[in-house]
Amino acid sequence: MESQELKKELSATLDARRELGAEYEAALVDSFVEKVDTQVRRRLAEERLTAARGTHPGAADSPEGNFGERFGFAIITLVLAIPLSAIGAAHAQLSGLVVAWLGILGVNYVHAAKFRRRHGSERGTDALD
């Protein structure tokens, strides 16, 4: 039951209360609360099921579905690469710069491997092999 359906249910409950009078108010409220409770329980069950599967609600199953996560991670590491490069080069010249970029590449490799492993297992293959 969607929120629009709940709004319609509430409107119908209020209309029924006006027609039937105050003596049926408690029964009408109980009926509406029961419908809301059912919807909440259904949503919680869906969230538990998706959590047990290890997926996020609304996440796409294809690797292209996590483009935003991968793109955001790449942008953040490139932005952080600027000060890390400057610090590494200032303190240890070329060797500091190389160490900084090896660290950046390592972090990106681990993130990509985690992504490949997660999506490779969903397809039944290990993408790292």
C-alpha atoms as a PDB file:
ATOM      1  CA  MET A   1       0.000   0.000   0.000  1.00  0.00           C
ATOM      2  CA  GLU A   2       1.588   3.258  -1.123  1.00  0.00           C
ATOM      3  CA  SER A   3       1.414   6.534   0.756  1.00  0.00           C
ATOM      4  CA  GLN A   4      -1.172   7.775  -1.766  1.00  0.00           C
ATOM      5  CA  GLU A   5      -3.327   4.791  -0.906  1.00  0.00           C
ATOM      6  CA  LEU A   6      -2.922   5.587   2.790  1.00  0.00           C
ATOM      7  CA  LYS A   7      -4.072   9.150   2.145  1.00  0.00           C
ATOM      8  CA  LYS A   8      -7.138   7.790   0.367  1.00  0.00           C
ATOM      9  CA  GLU A   9      -7.762   5.389   3.262  1.00  0.00           C
ATOM     10  CA  LEU A  10      -7.500   8.230   5.765  1.00  0.00           C
ATOM     11  CA  SER A  11      -9.900  10.333   3.727  1.00  0.00           C
ATOM     12  CA  ALA A  12     -12.352   7.422   3.501  1.00  0.00           C
ATOM     13  CA  THR A  13     -12.037   6.808   7.236  1.00  0.00           C
ATOM     14  CA  LEU A  14     -12.776  10.467   7.990  1.00  0.00           C
ATOM     15  CA  ASP A  15     -15.762  10.430   5.608  1.00  0.00           C
ATOM     16  CA  ALA A  16     -17.074   7.265   7.256  1.00  0.00           C
ATOM     17  CA  ARG A  17     -16.693   8.874  10.688  1.00  0.00           C
ATOM     18  CA  ARG A  18     -18.761  11.859   9.539  1.00  0.00           C
ATOM     19  CA  GLU A  19     -21.473   9.576   8.172  1.00  0.00           C
ATOM     20  CA  LEU A  20     -21.551   7.033  11.006  1.00  0.00           C
ATOM     21  CA  GLY A  21     -21.036   9.374  13.916  1.00  0.00           C
ATOM     22  CA  ALA A  22     -18.763   9.428  16.938  1.00  0.00           C
ATOM     23  CA  GLU A  23     -19.900   6.032  18.295  1.00  0.00           C
ATOM     24  CA  TYR A  24     -17.944   4.250  15.493  1.00  0.00           C
ATOM     25  CA  GLU A  25     -14.871   6.467  15.784  1.00  0.00           C
ATOM     26  CA  ALA A  26     -12.813   3.983  17.826  1.00  0.00           C
ATOM     27  CA  ALA A  27     -13.480   1.128  15.371  1.00  0.00           C
ATOM     28  CA  LEU A  28     -12.614   3.321  12.386  1.00  0.00           C
ATOM     29  CA  VAL A  29      -9.383   4.531  13.997  1.00  0.00           C
ATOM     30  CA  ASP A  30      -8.423   0.953  14.921  1.00  0.00           C
ATOM     31  CA  SER A  31      -9.040  -0.174  11.351  1.00  0.00           C
ATOM     32  CA  PHE A  32      -6.889   2.625   9.922  1.00  0.00           C
ATOM     33  CA  VAL A  33      -4.087   2.037  12.435  1.00  0.00           C
ATOM     34  CA  GLU A  34      -4.128  -1.657  11.531  1.00  0.00           C
ATOM     35  CA  LYS A  35      -3.678  -0.800   7.839  1.00  0.00           C
ATOM     36  CA  VAL A  36      -0.776   1.540   8.640  1.00  0.00           C
ATOM     37  CA  ASP A  37       0.770  -1.108  10.890  1.00  0.00           C
ATOM     38  CA  THR A  38       0.498  -3.691   8.106  1.00  0.00           C
ATOM     39  CA  GLN A  39       2.257  -1.365   5.677  1.00  0.00           C
ATOM     40  CA  VAL A  40       5.043  -0.595   8.165  1.00  0.00           C
ATOM     41  CA  ARG A  41       5.578  -4.301   8.861  1.00  0.00           C
ATOM     42  CA  ARG A  42       5.709  -5.042   5.130  1.00  0.00           C
ATOM     43  CA  ARG A  43       8.322  -2.342   4.558  1.00  0.00           C
ATOM     44  CA  LEU A  44      10.413  -3.580   7.492  1.00  0.00           C
ATOM     45  CA  ALA A  45      10.268  -7.120   6.154  1.00  0.00           C
ATOM     46  CA  GLU A  46      11.406  -5.900   2.721  1.00  0.00           C
ATOM     47  CA  GLU A  47      14.294  -3.969   4.279  1.00  0.00           C
ATOM     48  CA  ARG A  48      15.357  -6.997   6.326  1.00  0.00           C
ATOM     49  CA  LEU A  49      15.223  -9.165   3.225  1.00  0.00           C
ATOM     50  CA  THR A  50      17.361  -6.764   1.211  1.00  0.00           C
ATOM     51  CA  ALA A  51      19.805  -6.437   4.116  1.00  0.00           C
ATOM     52  CA  ALA A  52      20.057 -10.228   4.364  1.00  0.00           C
ATOM     53  CA  ARG A  53      20.790 -10.416   0.646  1.00  0.00           C
ATOM     54  CA  GLY A  54      23.448  -7.727   1.013  1.00  0.00           C
ATOM     55  CA  THR A  55      21.822  -5.347  -1.416  1.00  0.00           C
ATOM     56  CA  HIS A  56      20.576  -1.850  -0.952  1.00  0.00           C
ATOM     57  CA  PRO A  57      16.946  -1.018  -1.612  1.00  0.00           C
ATOM     58  CA  GLY A  58      16.601   0.479  -5.051  1.00  0.00           C
ATOM     59  CA  ALA A  59      20.146  -0.472  -6.106  1.00  0.00           C
ATOM     60  CA  ALA A  60      20.523  -1.797  -9.589  1.00  0.00           C
ATOM     61  CA  ASP A  61      21.887  -5.299 -10.057  1.00  0.00           C
ATOM     62  CA  SER A  62      24.149  -4.371 -12.935  1.00  0.00           C
ATOM     63  CA  PRO A  63      27.677  -2.993 -12.496  1.00  0.00           C
ATOM     64  CA  GLU A  64      26.505   0.154 -14.260  1.00  0.00           C
ATOM     65  CA  GLY A  65      24.040   0.695 -11.409  1.00  0.00           C
ATOM     66  CA  ASN A  66      26.824   1.779  -9.048  1.00  0.00           C
ATOM     67  CA  PHE A  67      28.339   4.291 -11.441  1.00  0.00           C
ATOM     68  CA  GLY A  68      27.697   7.144  -9.012  1.00  0.00           C
ATOM     69  CA  GLU A  69      29.562   5.405  -6.189  1.00  0.00           C
ATOM     70  CA  ARG A  70      32.537   4.564  -8.398  1.00  0.00           C
ATOM     71  CA  PHE A  71      32.624   8.005 -10.031  1.00  0.00           C
ATOM     72  CA  GLY A  72      32.369   9.780  -6.677  1.00  0.00           C
ATOM     73  CA  PHE A  73      35.179   7.685  -5.230  1.00  0.00           C
ATOM     74  CA  ALA A  74      37.396   8.443  -8.239  1.00  0.00           C
ATOM     75  CA  ILE A  75      36.703  12.183  -7.970  1.00  0.00           C
ATOM     76  CA  ILE A  76      37.473  12.218  -4.244  1.00  0.00           C
ATOM     77  CA  THR A  77      40.768  10.384  -4.705  1.00  0.00           C
ATOM     78  CA  LEU A  78      41.806  12.739  -7.504  1.00  0.00           C
ATOM     79  CA  VAL A  79      40.963  15.785  -5.409  1.00  0.00           C
ATOM     80  CA  LEU A  80      42.929  14.366  -2.478  1.00  0.00           C
ATOM     81  CA  ALA A  81      45.801  13.484  -4.822  1.00  0.00           C
ATOM     82  CA  ILE A  82      46.670  17.169  -5.250  1.00  0.00           C
ATOM     83  CA  PRO A  83      47.592  17.939  -1.626  1.00  0.00           C
ATOM     84  CA  LEU A  84      49.081  14.460  -1.114  1.00  0.00           C
ATOM     85  CA  SER A  85      51.325  14.960  -4.139  1.00  0.00           C
ATOM     86  CA  ALA A  86      52.389  18.370  -2.919  1.00  0.00           C
ATOM     87  CA  ILE A  87      53.166  17.101   0.576  1.00  0.00           C
ATOM     88  CA  GLY A  88      55.043  14.059  -0.726  1.00  0.00           C
ATOM     89  CA  ALA A  89      57.078  16.104  -3.205  1.00  0.00           C
ATOM     90  CA  ALA A  90      57.850  18.838  -0.671  1.00  0.00           C
ATOM     91  CA  HIS A  91      59.138  16.442   1.956  1.00  0.00           C
ATOM     92  CA  ALA A  92      60.850  13.753  -0.107  1.00  0.00           C
ATOM     93  CA  GLN A  93      61.021  15.114  -3.686  1.00  0.00           C
ATOM     94  CA  LEU A  94      60.432  12.476  -6.378  1.00  0.00           C
ATOM     95  CA  SER A  95      60.382   9.501  -4.023  1.00  0.00           C
ATOM     96  CA  GLY A  96      57.692  11.168  -1.871  1.00  0.00           C
ATOM     97  CA  LEU A  97      55.624  11.884  -4.962  1.00  0.00           C
ATOM     98  CA  VAL A  98      55.942   8.259  -6.097  1.00  0.00           C
ATOM     99  CA  VAL A  99      54.951   6.958  -2.648  1.00  0.00           C
ATOM    100  CA  ALA A 100      51.910   9.265  -2.556  1.00  0.00           C
ATOM    101  CA  TRP A 101      50.715   8.083  -5.981  1.00  0.00           C
ATOM    102  CA  LEU A 102      51.348   4.431  -5.137  1.00  0.00           C
ATOM    103  CA  GLY A 103      49.096   4.925  -2.115  1.00  0.00           C
ATOM    104  CA  ILE A 104      46.412   6.565  -4.259  1.00  0.00           C
ATOM    105  CA  LEU A 105      46.616   3.755  -6.814  1.00  0.00           C
ATOM    106  CA  GLY A 106      46.477   1.155  -4.029  1.00  0.00           C
ATOM    107  CA  VAL A 107      43.332   2.640  -2.516  1.00  0.00           C
ATOM    108  CA  ASN A 108      41.645   2.756  -5.922  1.00  0.00           C
ATOM    109  CA  TYR A 109      42.702  -0.819  -6.688  1.00  0.00           C
ATOM    110  CA  VAL A 110      41.235  -2.101  -3.411  1.00  0.00           C
ATOM    111  CA  HIS A 111      37.981  -0.246  -4.061  1.00  0.00           C
ATOM    112  CA  ALA A 112      37.757  -1.605  -7.617  1.00  0.00           C
ATOM    113  CA  ALA A 113      38.563  -5.146  -6.438  1.00  0.00           C
ATOM    114  CA  LYS A 114      35.823  -4.934  -3.802  1.00  0.00           C
ATOM    115  CA  PHE A 115      33.362  -3.746  -6.448  1.00  0.00           C
ATOM    116  CA  ARG A 116      34.373  -6.502  -8.891  1.00  0.00           C
ATOM    117  CA  ARG A 117      34.196  -9.179  -6.215  1.00  0.00           C
ATOM    118  CA  ARG A 118      30.740  -8.037  -5.116  1.00  0.00           C
ATOM    119  CA  HIS A 119      29.337  -7.967  -8.660  1.00  0.00           C
ATOM    120  CA  GLY A 120      31.249 -11.024  -9.850  1.00  0.00           C
ATOM    121  CA  SER A 121      29.681 -13.160  -7.118  1.00  0.00           C
ATOM    122  CA  GLU A 122      26.196 -11.936  -8.081  1.00  0.00           C
ATOM    123  CA  ARG A 123      26.756 -13.242 -11.614  1.00  0.00           C
ATOM    124  CA  GLY A 124      28.195 -16.504 -10.331  1.00  0.00           C
ATOM    125  CA  THR A 125      31.743 -15.773 -11.500  1.00  0.00           C
ATOM    126  CA  ASP A 126      34.744 -14.295  -9.795  1.00  0.00           C
ATOM    127  CA  ALA A 127      35.787 -11.250 -11.784  1.00  0.00           C
ATOM    128  CA  LEU A 128      39.239 -11.197 -10.173  1.00  0.00           C
ATOM    129  CA  ASP A 129      40.358 -14.500 -11.700  1.00  0.00           C
END
